[in-house]
């Protein structure tokens, strides 16, 4: 048997390690004749692994951008017949990488998925996990998530998940939740949290964002607005999706922080309207 790679150009490059020496030409002709979605369905997890490993210059994010050209991202939750086969190929790639993560890596990935689909300051991650060793977090971030193309480094201290990866990790997060919600609080433990429950991560995220909201001044300066602006989308995630993880006494802060921020920015517009 030989181990000859075949490259199939269908807008999304698919690496197929055929290992079909006697039938190599026939297999190639068959693959070239296949519809694009049939090819994506045909690709196994192992061939996806080989493709990503050998195509070092093609990150998972780039592969996803190519899928976006087919508008799969917008329809990724629809589960329509037209895009199901393509999704299976992407899902297989995600699952391959997910299997290479240990529990700490997985919990960090799930925590990242709670943030808004916007750049994330690493300081916010550390704020969510004050009792976790900083070096341990950095190892999970750099050696696993970034190395496996599951997390993108935008600039120093700033990271972001691709929307499809965020969706994938959110689905994994639901698997961490207990079968009988709602979450009742409790001690956060091992590996990041020993229980490893999704509720622990949501609680940690909501608590950290509320702490940030309390630091937003009612009349922020221009410089303060510049610093605060990147946090606002993440604070909004708490108000929209995780309000049940905010204590009664802190409830107002889930809304007041954003309201204070936007109200101050709107003041000049109100002034212009009245003049």
C-alpha atoms as a PDB file:
ATOM      1  CA  UNK A   1       0.000   0.000   0.000  1.00  0.00           C
ATOM      2  CA  UNK A   2       1.079   3.546  -0.676  1.00  0.00           C
ATOM      3  CA  UNK A   3       0.199   6.628   1.272  1.00  0.00           C
ATOM      4  CA  UNK A   4      -0.368   9.149  -1.486  1.00  0.00           C
ATOM      5  CA  UNK A   5      -2.160  12.387  -0.692  1.00  0.00           C
ATOM      6  CA  UNK A   6      -4.830  13.628  -3.063  1.00  0.00           C
ATOM      7  CA  UNK A   7      -5.892  17.257  -3.025  1.00  0.00           C
ATOM      8  CA  UNK A   8      -9.425  18.026  -4.081  1.00  0.00           C
ATOM      9  CA  UNK A   9     -10.214  21.663  -4.822  1.00  0.00           C
ATOM     10  CA  UNK A  10     -13.865  22.382  -4.045  1.00  0.00           C
ATOM     11  CA  UNK A  11     -13.422  25.855  -2.530  1.00  0.00           C
ATOM     12  CA  UNK A  12     -12.659  24.017   0.699  1.00  0.00           C
ATOM     13  CA  UNK A  13      -9.497  21.958   0.232  1.00  0.00           C
ATOM     14  CA  UNK A  14      -9.951  18.425   1.504  1.00  0.00           C
ATOM     15  CA  UNK A  15      -6.969  16.193   2.182  1.00  0.00           C
ATOM     16  CA  UNK A  16      -7.652  12.529   1.507  1.00  0.00           C
ATOM     17  CA  UNK A  17      -5.028  10.010   2.543  1.00  0.00           C
ATOM     18  CA  UNK A  18      -6.357   7.219   0.368  1.00  0.00           C
ATOM     19  CA  UNK A  19      -3.916   4.362   0.900  1.00  0.00           C
ATOM     20  CA  UNK A  20      -5.641   2.638  -2.013  1.00  0.00           C
ATOM     21  CA  UNK A  21      -2.691   1.759  -4.239  1.00  0.00           C
ATOM     22  CA  UNK A  22      -4.419  -0.665  -6.658  1.00  0.00           C
ATOM     23  CA  UNK A  23      -7.459   1.553  -7.012  1.00  0.00           C
ATOM     24  CA  UNK A  24      -5.810   4.937  -6.710  1.00  0.00           C
ATOM     25  CA  UNK A  25      -6.821   6.280 -10.127  1.00  0.00           C
ATOM     26  CA  UNK A  26     -10.355   4.962  -9.880  1.00  0.00           C
ATOM     27  CA  UNK A  27     -10.749   6.436  -6.414  1.00  0.00           C
ATOM     28  CA  UNK A  28      -9.418   9.777  -7.598  1.00  0.00           C
ATOM     29  CA  UNK A  29     -11.874   9.858 -10.501  1.00  0.00           C
ATOM     30  CA  UNK A  30     -14.720   8.967  -8.203  1.00  0.00           C
ATOM     31  CA  UNK A  31     -13.832  11.670  -5.701  1.00  0.00           C
ATOM     32  CA  UNK A  32     -13.536  14.280  -8.437  1.00  0.00           C
ATOM     33  CA  UNK A  33     -16.968  13.291  -9.711  1.00  0.00           C
ATOM     34  CA  UNK A  34     -18.570  13.584  -6.304  1.00  0.00           C
ATOM     35  CA  UNK A  35     -20.655  16.557  -5.345  1.00  0.00           C
ATOM     36  CA  UNK A  36     -18.883  18.863  -2.932  1.00  0.00           C
ATOM     37  CA  UNK A  37     -21.135  17.986   0.001  1.00  0.00           C
ATOM     38  CA  UNK A  38     -20.698  14.280  -0.700  1.00  0.00           C
ATOM     39  CA  UNK A  39     -16.944  14.740  -0.474  1.00  0.00           C
ATOM     40  CA  UNK A  40     -17.273  16.508   2.862  1.00  0.00           C
ATOM     41  CA  UNK A  41     -19.409  13.667   4.171  1.00  0.00           C
ATOM     42  CA  UNK A  42     -16.974  11.063   2.832  1.00  0.00           C
ATOM     43  CA  UNK A  43     -13.997  12.576   4.646  1.00  0.00           C
ATOM     44  CA  UNK A  44     -13.373  10.688   7.845  1.00  0.00           C
ATOM     45  CA  UNK A  45     -12.029  12.071  11.085  1.00  0.00           C
ATOM     46  CA  UNK A  46      -8.632  10.572  10.364  1.00  0.00           C
ATOM     47  CA  UNK A  47      -8.285  12.213   6.964  1.00  0.00           C
ATOM     48  CA  UNK A  48      -9.271  15.535   8.492  1.00  0.00           C
ATOM     49  CA  UNK A  49      -6.603  15.052  11.123  1.00  0.00           C
ATOM     50  CA  UNK A  50      -4.012  14.301   8.434  1.00  0.00           C
ATOM     51  CA  UNK A  51      -5.080  17.290   6.387  1.00  0.00           C
ATOM     52  CA  UNK A  52      -4.814  19.741   9.254  1.00  0.00           C
ATOM     53  CA  UNK A  53      -1.504  18.243  10.364  1.00  0.00           C
ATOM     54  CA  UNK A  54       0.116  18.414   6.933  1.00  0.00           C
ATOM     55  CA  UNK A  55      -1.329  21.735   5.811  1.00  0.00           C
ATOM     56  CA  UNK A  56       0.564  23.707   8.428  1.00  0.00           C
ATOM     57  CA  UNK A  57      -0.134  27.041   6.749  1.00  0.00           C
ATOM     58  CA  UNK A  58      -3.874  26.450   6.694  1.00  0.00           C
ATOM     59  CA  UNK A  59      -5.316  27.040  10.127  1.00  0.00           C
ATOM     60  CA  UNK A  60      -8.662  25.716  11.234  1.00  0.00           C
ATOM     61  CA  UNK A  61      -9.847  29.312  11.240  1.00  0.00           C
ATOM     62  CA  UNK A  62      -8.928  29.631   7.553  1.00  0.00           C
ATOM     63  CA  UNK A  63     -10.794  26.442   6.765  1.00  0.00           C
ATOM     64  CA  UNK A  64     -13.817  27.892   8.528  1.00  0.00           C
ATOM     65  CA  UNK A  65     -13.552  31.142   6.605  1.00  0.00           C
ATOM     66  CA  UNK A  66     -13.762  29.120   3.431  1.00  0.00           C
ATOM     67  CA  UNK A  67     -16.867  27.432   4.764  1.00  0.00           C
ATOM     68  CA  UNK A  68     -18.320  30.838   5.521  1.00  0.00           C
ATOM     69  CA  UNK A  69     -18.193  31.614   1.813  1.00  0.00           C
ATOM     70  CA  UNK A  70     -20.810  28.904   1.480  1.00  0.00           C
ATOM     71  CA  UNK A  71     -22.807  30.683   4.189  1.00  0.00           C
ATOM     72  CA  UNK A  72     -22.615  27.692   6.488  1.00  0.00           C
ATOM     73  CA  UNK A  73     -21.940  29.867   9.492  1.00  0.00           C
ATOM     74  CA  UNK A  74     -25.260  31.668   9.205  1.00  0.00           C
ATOM     75  CA  UNK A  75     -27.123  28.400   8.807  1.00  0.00           C
ATOM     76  CA  UNK A  76     -25.087  26.273  11.192  1.00  0.00           C
ATOM     77  CA  UNK A  77     -28.008  25.832  13.580  1.00  0.00           C
ATOM     78  CA  UNK A  78     -30.658  25.182  10.950  1.00  0.00           C
ATOM     79  CA  UNK A  79     -29.726  21.542  10.337  1.00  0.00           C
ATOM     80  CA  UNK A  80     -31.218  21.754   6.839  1.00  0.00           C
ATOM     81  CA  UNK A  81     -30.618  18.922   4.397  1.00  0.00           C
ATOM     82  CA  UNK A  82     -28.414  21.115   2.216  1.00  0.00           C
ATOM     83  CA  UNK A  83     -25.789  21.850   4.839  1.00  0.00           C
ATOM     84  CA  UNK A  84     -25.880  18.800   7.087  1.00  0.00           C
ATOM     85  CA  UNK A  85     -23.155  16.948   5.180  1.00  0.00           C
ATOM     86  CA  UNK A  86     -20.775  19.887   5.201  1.00  0.00           C
ATOM     87  CA  UNK A  87     -21.380  20.381   8.906  1.00  0.00           C
ATOM     88  CA  UNK A  88     -20.397  16.807   9.625  1.00  0.00           C
ATOM     89  CA  UNK A  89     -16.939  17.443   8.200  1.00  0.00           C
ATOM     90  CA  UNK A  90     -16.470  20.527  10.354  1.00  0.00           C
ATOM     91  CA  UNK A  91     -17.903  18.768  13.396  1.00  0.00           C
ATOM     92  CA  UNK A  92     -15.456  15.909  12.888  1.00  0.00           C
ATOM     93  CA  UNK A  93     -12.531  18.329  12.821  1.00  0.00           C
ATOM     94  CA  UNK A  94     -13.726  19.970  16.026  1.00  0.00           C
ATOM     95  CA  UNK A  95     -14.255  16.623  17.722  1.00  0.00           C
ATOM     96  CA  UNK A  96     -10.752  15.497  16.799  1.00  0.00           C
ATOM     97  CA  UNK A  97      -9.250  18.508  18.500  1.00  0.00           C
ATOM     98  CA  UNK A  98     -11.640  18.234  21.453  1.00  0.00           C
ATOM     99  CA  UNK A  99     -10.437  14.689  22.115  1.00  0.00           C
ATOM    100  CA  UNK A 100      -6.882  15.975  22.470  1.00  0.00           C
ATOM    101  CA  UNK A 101      -7.822  18.338  25.303  1.00  0.00           C
ATOM    102  CA  UNK A 102      -7.621  17.404  28.968  1.00  0.00           C
ATOM    103  CA  UNK A 103     -10.292  18.480  31.439  1.00  0.00           C
ATOM    104  CA  UNK A 104      -8.629  21.790  32.238  1.00  0.00           C
ATOM    105  CA  UNK A 105      -8.305  22.641  28.550  1.00  0.00           C
ATOM    106  CA  UNK A 106     -11.939  21.755  27.926  1.00  0.00           C
ATOM    107  CA  UNK A 107     -13.203  23.861  30.792  1.00  0.00           C
ATOM    108  CA  UNK A 108     -11.137  26.824  29.630  1.00  0.00           C
ATOM    109  CA  UNK A 109     -12.574  26.443  26.129  1.00  0.00           C
ATOM    110  CA  UNK A 110     -16.100  26.306  27.529  1.00  0.00           C
ATOM    111  CA  UNK A 111     -15.456  29.371  29.672  1.00  0.00           C
ATOM    112  CA  UNK A 112     -14.267  31.273  26.608  1.00  0.00           C
ATOM    113  CA  UNK A 113     -17.511  30.362  24.843  1.00  0.00           C
ATOM    114  CA  UNK A 114     -19.489  32.290  27.462  1.00  0.00           C
ATOM    115  CA  UNK A 115     -17.937  35.538  26.319  1.00  0.00           C
ATOM    116  CA  UNK A 116     -19.515  37.512  23.497  1.00  0.00           C
ATOM    117  CA  UNK A 117     -18.290  36.847  19.934  1.00  0.00           C
ATOM    118  CA  UNK A 118     -15.778  39.653  20.306  1.00  0.00           C
ATOM    119  CA  UNK A 119     -12.129  40.069  21.347  1.00  0.00           C
ATOM    120  CA  UNK A 120     -11.467  38.884  24.914  1.00  0.00           C
ATOM    121  CA  UNK A 121      -8.854  40.353  27.218  1.00  0.00           C
ATOM    122  CA  UNK A 122      -6.905  37.605  28.964  1.00  0.00           C
ATOM    123  CA  UNK A 123      -7.204  39.632  32.155  1.00  0.00           C
ATOM    124  CA  UNK A 124     -10.924  38.839  32.139  1.00  0.00           C
ATOM    125  CA  UNK A 125     -10.170  35.121  32.028  1.00  0.00           C
ATOM    126  CA  UNK A 126      -7.873  35.461  35.020  1.00  0.00           C
ATOM    127  CA  UNK A 127     -10.563  37.487  36.780  1.00  0.00           C
ATOM    128  CA  UNK A 128     -13.014  34.617  36.235  1.00  0.00           C
ATOM    129  CA  UNK A 129     -10.520  32.119  37.687  1.00  0.00           C
ATOM    130  CA  UNK A 130      -8.697  33.909  40.516  1.00  0.00           C
ATOM    131  CA  UNK A 131      -7.789  30.680  42.321  1.00  0.00           C
ATOM    132  CA  UNK A 132      -6.368  28.887  39.286  1.00  0.00           C
ATOM    133  CA  UNK A 133      -2.624  28.930  38.690  1.00  0.00           C
ATOM    134  CA  UNK A 134      -1.810  31.520  36.026  1.00  0.00           C
ATOM    135  CA  UNK A 135       0.847  29.345  34.401  1.00  0.00           C
ATOM    136  CA  UNK A 136      -1.571  26.421  34.177  1.00  0.00           C
ATOM    137  CA  UNK A 137      -4.054  28.612  32.344  1.00  0.00           C
ATOM    138  CA  UNK A 138      -1.385  29.908  29.996  1.00  0.00           C
ATOM    139  CA  UNK A 139      -0.268  26.359  29.193  1.00  0.00           C
ATOM    140  CA  UNK A 140      -3.818  25.347  28.321  1.00  0.00           C
ATOM    141  CA  UNK A 141      -4.206  28.472  26.225  1.00  0.00           C
ATOM    142  CA  UNK A 142      -0.916  28.293  24.325  1.00  0.00           C
ATOM    143  CA  UNK A 143      -0.025  24.597  24.185  1.00  0.00           C
ATOM    144  CA  UNK A 144      -3.520  23.335  23.478  1.00  0.00           C
ATOM    145  CA  UNK A 145      -6.136  25.841  22.349  1.00  0.00           C
ATOM    146  CA  UNK A 146      -3.900  28.034  20.221  1.00  0.00           C
ATOM    147  CA  UNK A 147      -1.694  25.172  19.072  1.00  0.00           C
ATOM    148  CA  UNK A 148      -4.756  23.242  17.885  1.00  0.00           C
ATOM    149  CA  UNK A 149      -6.170  26.349  16.177  1.00  0.00           C
ATOM    150  CA  UNK A 150      -9.117  26.455  18.576  1.00  0.00           C
ATOM    151  CA  UNK A 151      -8.331  29.972  19.781  1.00  0.00           C
ATOM    152  CA  UNK A 152      -6.935  32.937  17.901  1.00  0.00           C
ATOM    153  CA  UNK A 153      -4.457  35.418  19.354  1.00  0.00           C
ATOM    154  CA  UNK A 154      -5.458  38.845  18.059  1.00  0.00           C
ATOM    155  CA  UNK A 155      -2.705  40.837  19.749  1.00  0.00           C
ATOM    156  CA  UNK A 156      -0.842  40.847  23.033  1.00  0.00           C
ATOM    157  CA  UNK A 157      -3.259  39.788  25.769  1.00  0.00           C
ATOM    158  CA  UNK A 158      -6.263  39.693  23.410  1.00  0.00           C
ATOM    159  CA  UNK A 159      -7.879  36.497  22.118  1.00  0.00           C
ATOM    160  CA  UNK A 160     -11.000  35.490  20.230  1.00  0.00           C
ATOM    161  CA  UNK A 161     -13.005  32.395  19.323  1.00  0.00           C
ATOM    162  CA  UNK A 162     -14.309  31.843  15.829  1.00  0.00           C
ATOM    163  CA  UNK A 163     -18.151  31.952  15.937  1.00  0.00           C
ATOM    164  CA  UNK A 164     -18.431  28.302  14.902  1.00  0.00           C
ATOM    165  CA  UNK A 165     -15.962  27.211  17.573  1.00  0.00           C
ATOM    166  CA  UNK A 166     -17.821  29.317  20.130  1.00  0.00           C
ATOM    167  CA  UNK A 167     -21.011  27.519  19.164  1.00  0.00           C
ATOM    168  CA  UNK A 168     -19.276  24.142  19.401  1.00  0.00           C
ATOM    169  CA  UNK A 169     -17.856  24.869  22.865  1.00  0.00           C
ATOM    170  CA  UNK A 170     -21.225  26.142  24.078  1.00  0.00           C
ATOM    171  CA  UNK A 171     -22.733  22.822  23.043  1.00  0.00           C
ATOM    172  CA  UNK A 172     -20.007  21.042  25.002  1.00  0.00           C
ATOM    173  CA  UNK A 173     -20.724  23.301  27.954  1.00  0.00           C
ATOM    174  CA  UNK A 174     -24.298  22.049  28.145  1.00  0.00           C
ATOM    175  CA  UNK A 175     -22.902  18.529  28.531  1.00  0.00           C
ATOM    176  CA  UNK A 176     -21.200  19.670  31.735  1.00  0.00           C
ATOM    177  CA  UNK A 177     -24.476  20.804  33.274  1.00  0.00           C
ATOM    178  CA  UNK A 178     -26.265  18.551  35.775  1.00  0.00           C
ATOM    179  CA  UNK A 179     -29.422  16.822  34.514  1.00  0.00           C
ATOM    180  CA  UNK A 180     -31.655  18.733  36.926  1.00  0.00           C
ATOM    181  CA  UNK A 181     -31.074  22.478  36.623  1.00  0.00           C
ATOM    182  CA  UNK A 182     -31.173  25.192  37.812  1.00  0.00           C
ATOM    183  CA  UNK A 183     -27.698  25.531  39.262  1.00  0.00           C
ATOM    184  CA  UNK A 184     -27.781  26.132  43.005  1.00  0.00           C
ATOM    185  CA  UNK A 185     -24.317  27.567  43.528  1.00  0.00           C
ATOM    186  CA  UNK A 186     -21.570  26.044  45.596  1.00  0.00           C
ATOM    187  CA  UNK A 187     -17.823  25.656  45.839  1.00  0.00           C
ATOM    188  CA  UNK A 188     -15.873  26.000  42.618  1.00  0.00           C
ATOM    189  CA  UNK A 189     -13.258  23.284  42.340  1.00  0.00           C
ATOM    190  CA  UNK A 190     -11.065  20.914  40.186  1.00  0.00           C
ATOM    191  CA  UNK A 191      -9.430  20.827  37.435  1.00  0.00           C
ATOM    192  CA  UNK A 192     -10.417  24.451  37.031  1.00  0.00           C
ATOM    193  CA  UNK A 193     -13.394  23.401  39.142  1.00  0.00           C
ATOM    194  CA  UNK A 194     -13.484  19.885  40.564  1.00  0.00           C
ATOM    195  CA  UNK A 195     -17.101  19.372  39.767  1.00  0.00           C
ATOM    196  CA  UNK A 196     -16.483  20.547  36.233  1.00  0.00           C
ATOM    197  CA  UNK A 197     -20.119  21.581  35.901  1.00  0.00           C
ATOM    198  CA  UNK A 198     -21.224  24.161  33.369  1.00  0.00           C
ATOM    199  CA  UNK A 199     -22.978  26.033  36.153  1.00  0.00           C
ATOM    200  CA  UNK A 200     -19.637  26.603  37.887  1.00  0.00           C
ATOM    201  CA  UNK A 201     -18.204  28.218  34.789  1.00  0.00           C
ATOM    202  CA  UNK A 202     -21.285  30.350  34.241  1.00  0.00           C
ATOM    203  CA  UNK A 203     -21.242  31.437  37.865  1.00  0.00           C
ATOM    204  CA  UNK A 204     -17.562  32.387  37.629  1.00  0.00           C
ATOM    205  CA  UNK A 205     -18.124  34.330  34.421  1.00  0.00           C
ATOM    206  CA  UNK A 206     -21.165  36.203  35.734  1.00  0.00           C
ATOM    207  CA  UNK A 207     -19.414  37.060  39.010  1.00  0.00           C
ATOM    208  CA  UNK A 208     -16.367  38.428  37.204  1.00  0.00           C
ATOM    209  CA  UNK A 209     -18.420  40.533  34.807  1.00  0.00           C
ATOM    210  CA  UNK A 210     -20.479  42.000  37.636  1.00  0.00           C
ATOM    211  CA  UNK A 211     -17.239  42.945  39.400  1.00  0.00           C
ATOM    212  CA  UNK A 212     -16.189  44.781  36.245  1.00  0.00           C
ATOM    213  CA  UNK A 213     -19.591  46.483  35.960  1.00  0.00           C
ATOM    214  CA  UNK A 214     -19.210  47.887  39.461  1.00  0.00           C
ATOM    215  CA  UNK A 215     -16.036  49.637  38.348  1.00  0.00           C
ATOM    216  CA  UNK A 216     -17.705  51.528  35.490  1.00  0.00           C
ATOM    217  CA  UNK A 217     -18.069  55.189  36.518  1.00  0.00           C
ATOM    218  CA  UNK A 218     -21.369  56.948  35.942  1.00  0.00           C
ATOM    219  CA  UNK A 219     -19.620  59.603  33.877  1.00  0.00           C
ATOM    220  CA  UNK A 220     -16.571  57.951  32.330  1.00  0.00           C
ATOM    221  CA  UNK A 221     -13.871  60.029  30.706  1.00  0.00           C
ATOM    222  CA  UNK A 222     -12.821  59.537  27.107  1.00  0.00           C
ATOM    223  CA  UNK A 223      -9.845  57.495  28.271  1.00  0.00           C
ATOM    224  CA  UNK A 224     -12.044  55.357  30.516  1.00  0.00           C
ATOM    225  CA  UNK A 225     -14.482  54.745  27.667  1.00  0.00           C
ATOM    226  CA  UNK A 226     -11.610  53.442  25.553  1.00  0.00           C
ATOM    227  CA  UNK A 227     -10.658  51.001  28.314  1.00  0.00           C
ATOM    228  CA  UNK A 228     -14.221  49.938  29.107  1.00  0.00           C
ATOM    229  CA  UNK A 229     -15.567  49.537  25.562  1.00  0.00           C
ATOM    230  CA  UNK A 230     -14.100  46.049  24.888  1.00  0.00           C
ATOM    231  CA  UNK A 231     -15.746  44.704  28.051  1.00  0.00           C
ATOM    232  CA  UNK A 232     -19.273  45.915  27.300  1.00  0.00           C
ATOM    233  CA  UNK A 233     -20.269  43.093  24.882  1.00  0.00           C
ATOM    234  CA  UNK A 234     -19.256  40.510  27.482  1.00  0.00           C
ATOM    235  CA  UNK A 235     -21.184  42.259  30.241  1.00  0.00           C
ATOM    236  CA  UNK A 236     -24.208  42.273  27.948  1.00  0.00           C
ATOM    237  CA  UNK A 237     -23.942  38.468  27.699  1.00  0.00           C
ATOM    238  CA  UNK A 238     -24.613  38.247  31.432  1.00  0.00           C
ATOM    239  CA  UNK A 239     -27.671  40.494  31.210  1.00  0.00           C
ATOM    240  CA  UNK A 240     -29.072  38.621  28.209  1.00  0.00           C
ATOM    241  CA  UNK A 241     -28.206  35.001  28.892  1.00  0.00           C
ATOM    242  CA  UNK A 242     -26.887  34.416  32.413  1.00  0.00           C
ATOM    243  CA  UNK A 243     -28.964  36.632  34.656  1.00  0.00           C
ATOM    244  CA  UNK A 244     -29.956  33.592  36.758  1.00  0.00           C
ATOM    245  CA  UNK A 245     -26.335  33.377  37.929  1.00  0.00           C
ATOM    246  CA  UNK A 246     -26.383  36.893  39.385  1.00  0.00           C
ATOM    247  CA  UNK A 247     -27.318  37.349  43.041  1.00  0.00           C
ATOM    248  CA  UNK A 248     -30.333  39.484  43.906  1.00  0.00           C
ATOM    249  CA  UNK A 249     -28.170  42.200  45.438  1.00  0.00           C
ATOM    250  CA  UNK A 250     -26.023  42.407  42.301  1.00  0.00           C
ATOM    251  CA  UNK A 251     -28.872  42.125  39.824  1.00  0.00           C
ATOM    252  CA  UNK A 252     -28.978  45.829  39.023  1.00  0.00           C
ATOM    253  CA  UNK A 253     -25.301  45.838  38.051  1.00  0.00           C
ATOM    254  CA  UNK A 254     -25.914  43.483  35.154  1.00  0.00           C
ATOM    255  CA  UNK A 255     -27.888  46.310  33.555  1.00  0.00           C
ATOM    256  CA  UNK A 256     -26.582  49.448  35.245  1.00  0.00           C
ATOM    257  CA  UNK A 257     -23.028  48.992  33.988  1.00  0.00           C
ATOM    258  CA  UNK A 258     -24.115  48.934  30.350  1.00  0.00           C
ATOM    259  CA  UNK A 259     -26.734  51.633  30.884  1.00  0.00           C
ATOM    260  CA  UNK A 260     -24.218  53.953  32.510  1.00  0.00           C
ATOM    261  CA  UNK A 261     -21.711  53.389  29.732  1.00  0.00           C
ATOM    262  CA  UNK A 262     -24.141  54.031  26.877  1.00  0.00           C
ATOM    263  CA  UNK A 263     -26.008  56.846  28.621  1.00  0.00           C
ATOM    264  CA  UNK A 264     -22.848  58.900  28.944  1.00  0.00           C
ATOM    265  CA  UNK A 265     -22.017  58.369  25.286  1.00  0.00           C
ATOM    266  CA  UNK A 266     -25.556  59.343  24.287  1.00  0.00           C
ATOM    267  CA  UNK A 267     -25.511  62.601  26.265  1.00  0.00           C
ATOM    268  CA  UNK A 268     -23.886  64.667  23.481  1.00  0.00           C
ATOM    269  CA  UNK A 269     -26.485  63.406  21.011  1.00  0.00           C
ATOM    270  CA  UNK A 270     -29.307  64.420  23.345  1.00  0.00           C
ATOM    271  CA  UNK A 271     -27.664  67.830  23.662  1.00  0.00           C
ATOM    272  CA  UNK A 272     -27.462  68.247  19.902  1.00  0.00           C
ATOM    273  CA  UNK A 273     -31.106  67.233  19.551  1.00  0.00           C
ATOM    274  CA  UNK A 274     -32.196  69.876  22.060  1.00  0.00           C
ATOM    275  CA  UNK A 275     -30.073  72.672  20.623  1.00  0.00           C
END
